[in-house]
Amino acid sequence: MLRRLYDWTMSLAATRHAEKALAGVSFVESSFFPIPPDVLLIPMVLSERRKWIRYALICTVSSVIGALLGYLIGAFLFEVIGQPILELYDAQESFARMQGWYASWGGWGVLFAAITPFPYKVLTIFSGFVGMNIVSFIIVSIIGRGLRFFLVSWLLYHFGAPIRAFIERNLGLLFTLFMVLLVGGFVAVKYLF
């Protein structure tokens, strides 16, 4: 089943709608969607390696715009939308502790979440809720998301065929590792903050 999903994703990556899907997933992942854009970015770059810069740019721009949506949710719609999203990620218990930490380290927290598998959407919403300076928020988001997506894309461009062969040989192991990192990000929200 995993092999069929991989093959389907690889074929989707070469369709005329792939870039729109990549932009859409990158946008919603920054504010509420749990699946990271890497799920599409990786096969798209592997499918058409010469477009690695374009794909990284689509991810970065869409993700930062989505992060602004998360910020606005936190700033203006926290009770209606933000609180349920944070509850989904089980971040409400540590909300007060996170506020104190965030007052001192907010920009670094956004940068950390923008680069790692940590659920970025939690900090975008939280940034709006605590009123982080919007210009700082945008700058840190551009740097963090750009670093993440351009690095992944460049590595796939540079090591394309061997990476693709490695992925295809070790698909089960890599999927498990990806899920561990994804779940680890959600656990970090619950226990570190």
N, C-alpha and C. Protein backbone atom coordinates (compact mmCIF):
# COMPACT_ATOMS: atom_id res chain seq x y z
N MET A 1 0.81 -1.19 0.00
CA MET A 1 0.00 0.00 0.00
C MET A 1 0.86 1.26 0.00
N LEU A 2 1.91 1.27 0.82
CA LEU A 2 2.80 2.42 0.88
C LEU A 2 3.45 2.66 -0.49
N ARG A 3 3.82 1.60 -1.17
CA ARG A 3 4.43 1.71 -2.49
C ARG A 3 3.44 2.36 -3.48
N ARG A 4 2.16 1.96 -3.42
CA ARG A 4 1.16 2.55 -4.33
C ARG A 4 0.97 4.04 -4.03
N LEU A 5 0.95 4.38 -2.74
CA LEU A 5 0.80 5.79 -2.36
C LEU A 5 2.00 6.60 -2.85
N TYR A 6 3.19 6.05 -2.71
CA TYR A 6 4.41 6.71 -3.18
C TYR A 6 4.34 6.91 -4.69
N ASP A 7 3.99 5.85 -5.41
CA ASP A 7 3.91 5.94 -6.87
C ASP A 7 2.86 6.96 -7.31
N TRP A 8 1.72 6.98 -6.61
CA TRP A 8 0.67 7.92 -6.93
C TRP A 8 1.14 9.35 -6.69
N THR A 9 1.82 9.57 -5.55
CA THR A 9 2.33 10.91 -5.24
C THR A 9 3.36 11.35 -6.27
N MET A 10 4.23 10.43 -6.68
CA MET A 10 5.21 10.75 -7.71
C MET A 10 4.51 11.12 -9.02
N SER A 11 3.45 10.42 -9.36
CA SER A 11 2.74 10.74 -10.61
C SER A 11 2.01 12.07 -10.48
N LEU A 12 1.44 12.36 -9.31
CA LEU A 12 0.78 13.63 -9.07
C LEU A 12 1.77 14.78 -9.20
N ALA A 13 2.98 14.54 -8.77
CA ALA A 13 4.01 15.57 -8.80
C ALA A 13 4.31 16.04 -10.22
N ALA A 14 4.00 15.24 -11.20
CA ALA A 14 4.29 15.60 -12.59
C ALA A 14 3.06 16.13 -13.32
N THR A 15 1.93 16.27 -12.64
CA THR A 15 0.72 16.76 -13.30
C THR A 15 0.75 18.28 -13.40
N ARG A 16 -0.17 18.82 -14.21
CA ARG A 16 -0.22 20.27 -14.38
C ARG A 16 -0.77 20.98 -13.15
N HIS A 17 -1.36 20.24 -12.21
CA HIS A 17 -1.91 20.84 -10.99
C HIS A 17 -0.97 20.71 -9.79
N ALA A 18 0.18 20.13 -9.99
CA ALA A 18 1.10 19.87 -8.88
C ALA A 18 1.51 21.16 -8.16
N GLU A 19 1.83 22.20 -8.90
CA GLU A 19 2.28 23.44 -8.26
C GLU A 19 1.16 24.08 -7.45
N LYS A 20 -0.06 24.02 -7.94
CA LYS A 20 -1.19 24.56 -7.18
C LYS A 20 -1.40 23.75 -5.90
N ALA A 21 -1.29 22.44 -6.02
CA ALA A 21 -1.44 21.59 -4.83
C ALA A 21 -0.34 21.88 -3.83
N LEU A 22 0.89 22.05 -4.31
CA LEU A 22 2.01 22.36 -3.43
C LEU A 22 1.79 23.69 -2.71
N ALA A 23 1.33 24.69 -3.45
CA ALA A 23 1.04 25.99 -2.85
C ALA A 23 -0.07 25.87 -1.81
N GLY A 24 -1.11 25.12 -2.16
CA GLY A 24 -2.24 24.96 -1.23
C GLY A 24 -1.85 24.26 0.05
N VAL A 25 -1.11 23.16 -0.07
CA VAL A 25 -0.68 22.42 1.12
C VAL A 25 0.27 23.27 1.96
N SER A 26 1.18 23.99 1.31
CA SER A 26 2.12 24.85 2.05
C SER A 26 1.38 25.94 2.81
N PHE A 27 0.35 26.49 2.18
CA PHE A 27 -0.44 27.55 2.80
C PHE A 27 -1.18 27.04 4.04
N VAL A 28 -1.95 25.97 3.88
CA VAL A 28 -2.79 25.51 4.99
C VAL A 28 -1.98 24.85 6.11
N GLU A 29 -0.82 24.29 5.77
CA GLU A 29 0.00 23.64 6.80
C GLU A 29 0.52 24.65 7.81
N SER A 30 0.70 25.89 7.41
CA SER A 30 1.24 26.90 8.31
C SER A 30 0.21 27.45 9.30
N SER A 31 -1.06 27.12 9.08
CA SER A 31 -2.07 27.67 9.98
C SER A 31 -2.96 26.61 10.62
N PHE A 32 -3.20 25.47 9.96
CA PHE A 32 -4.06 24.48 10.62
C PHE A 32 -3.90 23.05 10.13
N PHE A 33 -3.39 22.80 8.95
CA PHE A 33 -3.34 21.46 8.37
C PHE A 33 -2.15 20.67 8.93
N PRO A 34 -2.33 19.39 9.31
CA PRO A 34 -1.25 18.66 9.96
C PRO A 34 -0.18 18.07 9.04
N ILE A 35 -0.42 17.95 7.75
CA ILE A 35 0.54 17.30 6.85
C ILE A 35 1.47 18.35 6.24
N PRO A 36 2.79 18.17 6.37
CA PRO A 36 3.74 19.15 5.84
C PRO A 36 3.84 19.08 4.31
N PRO A 37 4.22 20.18 3.68
CA PRO A 37 4.32 20.22 2.22
C PRO A 37 5.41 19.33 1.65
N ASP A 38 6.31 18.86 2.48
CA ASP A 38 7.39 17.98 2.02
C ASP A 38 6.82 16.75 1.31
N VAL A 39 5.61 16.35 1.68
CA VAL A 39 4.97 15.19 1.08
C VAL A 39 4.84 15.38 -0.43
N LEU A 40 4.60 16.62 -0.87
CA LEU A 40 4.55 16.92 -2.31
C LEU A 40 5.87 17.46 -2.83
N LEU A 41 6.55 18.27 -2.03
CA LEU A 41 7.79 18.88 -2.48
C LEU A 41 8.82 17.84 -2.91
N ILE A 42 9.01 16.84 -2.10
CA ILE A 42 10.05 15.84 -2.38
C ILE A 42 9.81 15.14 -3.72
N PRO A 43 8.62 14.56 -3.95
CA PRO A 43 8.45 13.91 -5.24
C PRO A 43 8.45 14.88 -6.42
N MET A 44 8.02 16.12 -6.19
CA MET A 44 8.03 17.10 -7.29
C MET A 44 9.45 17.41 -7.72
N VAL A 45 10.33 17.64 -6.76
CA VAL A 45 11.72 17.93 -7.11
C VAL A 45 12.36 16.68 -7.73
N LEU A 46 12.08 15.52 -7.18
CA LEU A 46 12.64 14.30 -7.76
C LEU A 46 12.11 14.06 -9.17
N SER A 47 10.88 14.46 -9.42
CA SER A 47 10.28 14.27 -10.73
C SER A 47 10.84 15.25 -11.77
N GLU A 48 11.05 16.52 -11.35
CA GLU A 48 11.58 17.54 -12.25
C GLU A 48 12.63 18.36 -11.52
N ARG A 49 13.82 17.79 -11.45
CA ARG A 49 14.88 18.38 -10.63
C ARG A 49 15.28 19.79 -11.06
N ARG A 50 15.17 20.11 -12.31
CA ARG A 50 15.59 21.44 -12.78
C ARG A 50 14.71 22.55 -12.20
N LYS A 51 13.54 22.22 -11.66
CA LYS A 51 12.62 23.21 -11.10
C LYS A 51 12.74 23.34 -9.58
N TRP A 52 13.85 22.88 -9.02
CA TRP A 52 13.97 22.85 -7.56
C TRP A 52 13.82 24.24 -6.94
N ILE A 53 14.37 25.27 -7.56
CA ILE A 53 14.27 26.63 -7.00
C ILE A 53 12.82 27.10 -7.04
N ARG A 54 12.16 26.86 -8.14
CA ARG A 54 10.75 27.25 -8.29
C ARG A 54 9.89 26.59 -7.22
N TYR A 55 10.08 25.28 -7.02
CA TYR A 55 9.27 24.56 -6.03
C TYR A 55 9.56 25.04 -4.61
N ALA A 56 10.82 25.29 -4.31
CA ALA A 56 11.18 25.80 -2.97
C ALA A 56 10.57 27.18 -2.75
N LEU A 57 10.58 28.00 -3.79
CA LEU A 57 10.00 29.34 -3.69
C LEU A 57 8.48 29.27 -3.49
N ILE A 58 7.82 28.37 -4.22
CA ILE A 58 6.37 28.19 -4.05
C ILE A 58 6.07 27.80 -2.61
N CYS A 59 6.82 26.84 -2.09
CA CYS A 59 6.62 26.40 -0.70
C CYS A 59 6.84 27.55 0.28
N THR A 60 7.92 28.27 0.10
CA THR A 60 8.27 29.34 1.03
C THR A 60 7.22 30.45 1.03
N VAL A 61 6.90 30.96 -0.14
CA VAL A 61 5.94 32.07 -0.23
C VAL A 61 4.57 31.64 0.29
N SER A 62 4.10 30.47 -0.15
CA SER A 62 2.78 30.00 0.29
C SER A 62 2.75 29.75 1.79
N SER A 63 3.84 29.21 2.31
CA SER A 63 3.91 28.92 3.73
C SER A 63 3.91 30.20 4.57
N VAL A 64 4.62 31.22 4.13
CA VAL A 64 4.65 32.48 4.86
C VAL A 64 3.29 33.17 4.81
N ILE A 65 2.62 33.12 3.66
CA ILE A 65 1.27 33.68 3.57
C ILE A 65 0.32 32.90 4.49
N GLY A 66 0.46 31.57 4.51
CA GLY A 66 -0.33 30.76 5.43
C GLY A 66 -0.02 31.07 6.89
N ALA A 67 1.26 31.36 7.16
CA ALA A 67 1.64 31.74 8.53
C ALA A 67 0.95 33.04 8.94
N LEU A 68 0.77 33.95 8.00
CA LEU A 68 0.04 35.18 8.30
C LEU A 68 -1.42 34.88 8.64
N LEU A 69 -2.00 33.89 7.97
CA LEU A 69 -3.35 33.47 8.33
C LEU A 69 -3.36 32.94 9.77
N GLY A 70 -2.37 32.11 10.11
CA GLY A 70 -2.26 31.61 11.48
C GLY A 70 -2.12 32.75 12.48
N TYR A 71 -1.30 33.74 12.12
CA TYR A 71 -1.11 34.91 12.98
C TYR A 71 -2.44 35.65 13.18
N LEU A 72 -3.18 35.85 12.10
CA LEU A 72 -4.47 36.54 12.18
C LEU A 72 -5.48 35.74 12.99
N ILE A 73 -5.45 34.42 12.86
CA ILE A 73 -6.32 33.58 13.67
C ILE A 73 -6.01 33.80 15.15
N GLY A 74 -4.73 33.82 15.49
CA GLY A 74 -4.34 34.05 16.88
C GLY A 74 -4.69 35.43 17.37
N ALA A 75 -4.56 36.42 16.51
CA ALA A 75 -4.80 37.81 16.91
C ALA A 75 -6.28 38.16 17.01
N PHE A 76 -7.09 37.64 16.08
CA PHE A 76 -8.48 38.09 16.01
C PHE A 76 -9.54 37.01 16.18
N LEU A 77 -9.16 35.76 15.99
CA LEU A 77 -10.15 34.68 16.04
C LEU A 77 -9.71 33.56 16.98
N PHE A 78 -8.99 33.93 18.02
CA PHE A 78 -8.43 32.90 18.89
C PHE A 78 -9.51 32.03 19.52
N GLU A 79 -10.51 32.65 20.09
CA GLU A 79 -11.57 31.88 20.78
C GLU A 79 -12.30 30.95 19.83
N VAL A 80 -12.60 31.42 18.64
CA VAL A 80 -13.43 30.66 17.69
C VAL A 80 -12.62 29.60 16.94
N ILE A 81 -11.43 29.96 16.47
CA ILE A 81 -10.65 29.05 15.62
C ILE A 81 -9.35 28.62 16.29
N GLY A 82 -8.61 29.58 16.86
CA GLY A 82 -7.29 29.28 17.42
C GLY A 82 -7.31 28.29 18.56
N GLN A 83 -8.21 28.49 19.50
CA GLN A 83 -8.29 27.59 20.65
C GLN A 83 -8.57 26.14 20.23
N PRO A 84 -9.55 25.89 19.35
CA PRO A 84 -9.77 24.51 18.91
C PRO A 84 -8.56 23.90 18.19
N ILE A 85 -7.83 24.71 17.43
CA ILE A 85 -6.63 24.18 16.75
C ILE A 85 -5.58 23.81 17.79
N LEU A 86 -5.36 24.68 18.77
CA LEU A 86 -4.38 24.37 19.82
C LEU A 86 -4.81 23.14 20.63
N GLU A 87 -6.11 23.00 20.87
CA GLU A 87 -6.61 21.81 21.57
C GLU A 87 -6.35 20.55 20.76
N LEU A 88 -6.49 20.66 19.45
CA LEU A 88 -6.22 19.53 18.57
C LEU A 88 -4.79 19.02 18.75
N TYR A 89 -3.87 19.96 18.94
CA TYR A 89 -2.47 19.60 19.14
C TYR A 89 -2.11 19.48 20.61
N ASP A 90 -3.10 19.52 21.48
CA ASP A 90 -2.93 19.35 22.92
C ASP A 90 -1.95 20.37 23.51
N ALA A 91 -2.02 21.60 23.04
CA ALA A 91 -1.11 22.65 23.50
C ALA A 91 -1.75 23.56 24.54
N GLN A 92 -3.02 23.37 24.85
CA GLN A 92 -3.71 24.29 25.76
C GLN A 92 -3.19 24.21 27.19
N GLU A 93 -2.78 23.03 27.67
CA GLU A 93 -2.29 22.88 29.05
C GLU A 93 -1.09 23.76 29.34
N SER A 94 -0.23 23.86 28.39
CA SER A 94 1.02 24.57 28.61
C SER A 94 0.98 26.00 28.08
N PHE A 95 -0.20 26.50 27.79
CA PHE A 95 -0.35 27.81 27.18
C PHE A 95 0.26 28.92 28.04
N ALA A 96 0.01 28.93 29.32
CA ALA A 96 0.53 29.99 30.20
C ALA A 96 2.05 29.95 30.27
N ARG A 97 2.63 28.75 30.39
CA ARG A 97 4.09 28.64 30.42
C ARG A 97 4.69 29.10 29.11
N MET A 98 4.01 28.78 28.04
CA MET A 98 4.49 29.15 26.71
C MET A 98 4.50 30.67 26.56
N GLN A 99 3.52 31.36 27.15
CA GLN A 99 3.47 32.82 27.05
C GLN A 99 4.71 33.45 27.66
N GLY A 100 5.12 32.99 28.83
CA GLY A 100 6.31 33.53 29.46
C GLY A 100 7.56 33.28 28.64
N TRP A 101 7.70 32.06 28.17
CA TRP A 101 8.85 31.71 27.33
C TRP A 101 8.83 32.52 26.04
N TYR A 102 7.66 32.65 25.47
CA TYR A 102 7.52 33.30 24.18
C TYR A 102 7.81 34.79 24.25
N ALA A 103 7.50 35.41 25.38
CA ALA A 103 7.78 36.83 25.53
C ALA A 103 9.28 37.11 25.39
N SER A 104 10.10 36.16 25.84
CA SER A 104 11.55 36.34 25.75
C SER A 104 12.15 35.79 24.46
N TRP A 105 11.62 34.68 23.96
CA TRP A 105 12.25 33.95 22.87
C TRP A 105 11.37 33.81 21.62
N GLY A 106 10.34 34.60 21.49
CA GLY A 106 9.35 34.45 20.42
C GLY A 106 9.91 34.27 19.02
N GLY A 107 10.76 35.17 18.59
CA GLY A 107 11.33 35.08 17.24
C GLY A 107 12.12 33.81 17.03
N TRP A 108 12.87 33.41 18.05
CA TRP A 108 13.65 32.17 17.94
C TRP A 108 12.72 30.96 17.89
N GLY A 109 11.62 31.03 18.62
CA GLY A 109 10.64 29.94 18.59
C GLY A 109 10.03 29.78 17.21
N VAL A 110 9.70 30.91 16.58
CA VAL A 110 9.14 30.86 15.23
C VAL A 110 10.18 30.30 14.26
N LEU A 111 11.43 30.73 14.40
CA LEU A 111 12.50 30.23 13.53
C LEU A 111 12.68 28.72 13.72
N PHE A 112 12.71 28.27 14.97
CA PHE A 112 12.84 26.84 15.27
C PHE A 112 11.71 26.05 14.63
N ALA A 113 10.48 26.52 14.81
CA ALA A 113 9.33 25.81 14.27
C ALA A 113 9.30 25.87 12.75
N ALA A 114 9.82 26.94 12.17
CA ALA A 114 9.80 27.09 10.72
C ALA A 114 10.76 26.12 10.04
N ILE A 115 11.82 25.72 10.73
CA ILE A 115 12.84 24.86 10.12
C ILE A 115 12.59 23.38 10.43
N THR A 116 12.11 23.08 11.60
CA THR A 116 12.02 21.69 12.06
C THR A 116 10.64 21.09 11.81
N PRO A 117 10.47 19.80 12.13
CA PRO A 117 9.14 19.19 12.01
C PRO A 117 8.16 19.62 13.11
N PHE A 118 8.61 20.49 14.02
CA PHE A 118 7.74 21.02 15.06
C PHE A 118 6.51 21.63 14.39
N PRO A 119 5.31 21.46 14.97
CA PRO A 119 4.10 22.00 14.33
C PRO A 119 4.12 23.53 14.25
N TYR A 120 4.52 24.02 13.12
CA TYR A 120 4.68 25.46 12.88
C TYR A 120 3.39 26.23 13.14
N LYS A 121 2.26 25.63 12.81
CA LYS A 121 0.96 26.29 12.96
C LYS A 121 0.70 26.71 14.40
N VAL A 122 1.19 25.95 15.38
CA VAL A 122 0.97 26.29 16.79
C VAL A 122 1.62 27.63 17.10
N LEU A 123 2.84 27.83 16.62
CA LEU A 123 3.52 29.09 16.91
C LEU A 123 3.03 30.24 16.05
N THR A 124 2.50 29.96 14.86
CA THR A 124 1.95 31.07 14.08
C THR A 124 0.71 31.63 14.77
N ILE A 125 -0.14 30.74 15.25
CA ILE A 125 -1.35 31.17 15.97
C ILE A 125 -0.95 31.87 17.27
N PHE A 126 -0.01 31.27 17.97
CA PHE A 126 0.43 31.84 19.25
C PHE A 126 1.07 33.21 19.04
N SER A 127 1.81 33.38 17.96
CA SER A 127 2.44 34.67 17.67
C SER A 127 1.40 35.77 17.54
N GLY A 128 0.31 35.46 16.85
CA GLY A 128 -0.77 36.44 16.73
C GLY A 128 -1.45 36.69 18.06
N PHE A 129 -1.64 35.64 18.83
CA PHE A 129 -2.31 35.77 20.12
C PHE A 129 -1.54 36.68 21.07
N VAL A 130 -0.21 36.52 21.13
CA VAL A 130 0.59 37.33 22.05
C VAL A 130 1.00 38.66 21.43
N GLY A 131 0.68 38.87 20.16
CA GLY A 131 0.98 40.15 19.51
C GLY A 131 2.43 40.34 19.16
N MET A 132 3.11 39.27 18.75
CA MET A 132 4.49 39.42 18.30
C MET A 132 4.53 40.46 17.18
N ASN A 133 5.57 41.23 17.14
CA ASN A 133 5.75 42.22 16.09
C ASN A 133 5.60 41.54 14.74
N ILE A 134 4.66 42.02 13.93
CA ILE A 134 4.33 41.37 12.66
C ILE A 134 5.50 41.39 11.68
N VAL A 135 6.27 42.46 11.67
CA VAL A 135 7.42 42.54 10.76
C VAL A 135 8.46 41.50 11.15
N SER A 136 8.76 41.39 12.44
CA SER A 136 9.70 40.37 12.90
C SER A 136 9.18 38.98 12.58
N PHE A 137 7.89 38.78 12.79
CA PHE A 137 7.27 37.49 12.49
C PHE A 137 7.44 37.11 11.02
N ILE A 138 7.20 38.05 10.13
CA ILE A 138 7.33 37.78 8.69
C ILE A 138 8.78 37.50 8.32
N ILE A 139 9.70 38.30 8.84
CA ILE A 139 11.12 38.12 8.52
C ILE A 139 11.61 36.75 8.99
N VAL A 140 11.30 36.41 10.23
CA VAL A 140 11.75 35.12 10.77
C VAL A 140 11.08 33.97 10.01
N SER A 141 9.83 34.14 9.63
CA SER A 141 9.14 33.09 8.87
C SER A 141 9.77 32.91 7.50
N ILE A 142 10.11 33.99 6.82
CA ILE A 142 10.75 33.89 5.51
C ILE A 142 12.09 33.19 5.63
N ILE A 143 12.88 33.58 6.62
CA ILE A 143 14.20 32.97 6.81
C ILE A 143 14.05 31.48 7.14
N GLY A 144 13.21 31.17 8.11
CA GLY A 144 13.07 29.78 8.55
C GLY A 144 12.47 28.87 7.50
N ARG A 145 11.36 29.29 6.91
CA ARG A 145 10.71 28.46 5.90
C ARG A 145 11.57 28.38 4.64
N GLY A 146 12.17 29.51 4.27
CA GLY A 146 13.07 29.50 3.10
C GLY A 146 14.24 28.56 3.31
N LEU A 147 14.86 28.64 4.48
CA LEU A 147 15.98 27.75 4.77
C LEU A 147 15.56 26.29 4.67
N ARG A 148 14.44 25.98 5.26
CA ARG A 148 13.97 24.59 5.24
C ARG A 148 13.69 24.10 3.82
N PHE A 149 12.86 24.82 3.09
CA PHE A 149 12.42 24.34 1.78
C PHE A 149 13.53 24.42 0.73
N PHE A 150 14.36 25.45 0.78
CA PHE A 150 15.45 25.54 -0.18
C PHE A 150 16.52 24.49 0.10
N LEU A 151 16.79 24.20 1.36
CA LEU A 151 17.76 23.17 1.68
C LEU A 151 17.29 21.79 1.22
N VAL A 152 16.04 21.46 1.53
CA VAL A 152 15.49 20.17 1.10
C VAL A 152 15.52 20.07 -0.42
N SER A 153 15.08 21.12 -1.10
CA SER A 153 15.04 21.11 -2.56
C SER A 153 16.43 21.02 -3.17
N TRP A 154 17.37 21.77 -2.62
CA TRP A 154 18.74 21.73 -3.14
C TRP A 154 19.36 20.34 -2.97
N LEU A 155 19.16 19.74 -1.80
CA LEU A 155 19.69 18.39 -1.58
C LEU A 155 19.09 17.40 -2.57
N LEU A 156 17.80 17.51 -2.81
CA LEU A 156 17.15 16.62 -3.77
C LEU A 156 17.64 16.90 -5.19
N TYR A 157 17.86 18.16 -5.52
CA TYR A 157 18.40 18.51 -6.84
C TYR A 157 19.81 17.95 -7.00
N HIS A 158 20.62 18.19 -6.00
CA HIS A 158 22.03 17.82 -6.07
C HIS A 158 22.24 16.31 -6.06
N PHE A 159 21.48 15.60 -5.24
CA PHE A 159 21.65 14.16 -5.09
C PHE A 159 20.48 13.37 -5.67
N GLY A 160 19.74 13.94 -6.58
CA GLY A 160 18.49 13.41 -7.10
C GLY A 160 18.38 11.92 -7.32
N ALA A 161 19.09 11.37 -8.30
CA ALA A 161 18.94 9.96 -8.64
C ALA A 161 19.30 9.04 -7.48
N PRO A 162 20.45 9.25 -6.83
CA PRO A 162 20.76 8.39 -5.68
C PRO A 162 19.76 8.52 -4.54
N ILE A 163 19.30 9.75 -4.30
CA ILE A 163 18.31 9.96 -3.23
C ILE A 163 17.01 9.25 -3.59
N ARG A 164 16.60 9.37 -4.83
CA ARG A 164 15.36 8.71 -5.25
C ARG A 164 15.49 7.20 -5.10
N ALA A 165 16.62 6.64 -5.52
CA ALA A 165 16.85 5.19 -5.38
C ALA A 165 16.85 4.81 -3.90
N PHE A 166 17.50 5.63 -3.07
CA PHE A 166 17.54 5.36 -1.63
C PHE A 166 16.13 5.39 -1.04
N ILE A 167 15.35 6.40 -1.42
CA ILE A 167 13.98 6.51 -0.92
C ILE A 167 13.17 5.29 -1.34
N GLU A 168 13.29 4.91 -2.60
CA GLU A 168 12.50 3.78 -3.09
C GLU A 168 12.92 2.46 -2.44
N ARG A 169 14.20 2.30 -2.14
CA ARG A 169 14.68 1.08 -1.46
C ARG A 169 14.26 1.04 0.00
N ASN A 170 14.22 2.20 0.64
CA ASN A 170 13.98 2.28 2.09
C ASN A 170 12.68 3.00 2.42
N LEU A 171 11.69 2.86 1.58
CA LEU A 171 10.45 3.59 1.72
C LEU A 171 9.79 3.37 3.09
N GLY A 172 9.69 2.15 3.52
CA GLY A 172 9.06 1.85 4.82
C GLY A 172 9.79 2.50 5.98
N LEU A 173 11.10 2.37 5.98
CA LEU A 173 11.92 2.95 7.03
C LEU A 173 11.81 4.48 7.04
N LEU A 174 11.88 5.10 5.87
CA LEU A 174 11.80 6.55 5.80
C LEU A 174 10.42 7.06 6.20
N PHE A 175 9.38 6.34 5.82
CA PHE A 175 8.03 6.73 6.23
C PHE A 175 7.92 6.67 7.75
N THR A 176 8.46 5.61 8.35
CA THR A 176 8.43 5.48 9.80
C THR A 176 9.20 6.62 10.46
N LEU A 177 10.37 6.93 9.94
CA LEU A 177 11.18 8.03 10.48
C LEU A 177 10.43 9.36 10.36
N PHE A 178 9.81 9.60 9.21
CA PHE A 178 9.04 10.81 9.00
C PHE A 178 7.91 10.92 10.02
N MET A 179 7.21 9.83 10.25
CA MET A 179 6.10 9.83 11.20
C MET A 179 6.60 10.06 12.63
N VAL A 180 7.74 9.48 12.97
CA VAL A 180 8.32 9.68 14.30
C VAL A 180 8.65 11.17 14.49
N LEU A 181 9.25 11.79 13.47
CA LEU A 181 9.56 13.22 13.57
C LEU A 181 8.30 14.07 13.66
N LEU A 182 7.29 13.72 12.88
CA LEU A 182 6.04 14.47 12.91
C LEU A 182 5.36 14.35 14.27
N VAL A 183 5.24 13.14 14.77
CA VAL A 183 4.62 12.92 16.08
C VAL A 183 5.49 13.55 17.17
N GLY A 184 6.81 13.45 17.02
CA GLY A 184 7.72 14.07 17.99
C GLY A 184 7.51 15.57 18.10
N GLY A 185 7.20 16.22 16.99
CA GLY A 185 6.90 17.65 17.01
C GLY A 185 5.66 17.95 17.83
N PHE A 186 4.63 17.11 17.67
CA PHE A 186 3.40 17.32 18.43
C PHE A 186 3.62 17.03 19.92
N VAL A 187 4.42 16.03 20.23
CA VAL A 187 4.73 15.72 21.63
C VAL A 187 5.52 16.87 22.25
N ALA A 188 6.42 17.46 21.46
CA ALA A 188 7.20 18.59 21.97
C ALA A 188 6.28 19.75 22.36
N VAL A 189 5.24 19.98 21.59
CA VAL A 189 4.29 21.04 21.93
C VAL A 189 3.69 20.78 23.30
N LYS A 190 3.32 19.53 23.53
CA LYS A 190 2.63 19.19 24.77
C LYS A 190 3.56 19.26 25.98
N TYR A 191 4.75 18.71 25.86
CA TYR A 191 5.62 18.56 27.04
C TYR A 191 6.71 19.61 27.21
N LEU A 192 7.11 20.26 26.16
CA LEU A 192 8.18 21.26 26.30
C LEU A 192 7.65 22.64 26.65
N PHE A 193 6.40 22.87 26.34
CA PHE A 193 5.85 24.19 26.62
C PHE A 193 4.81 24.08 27.69
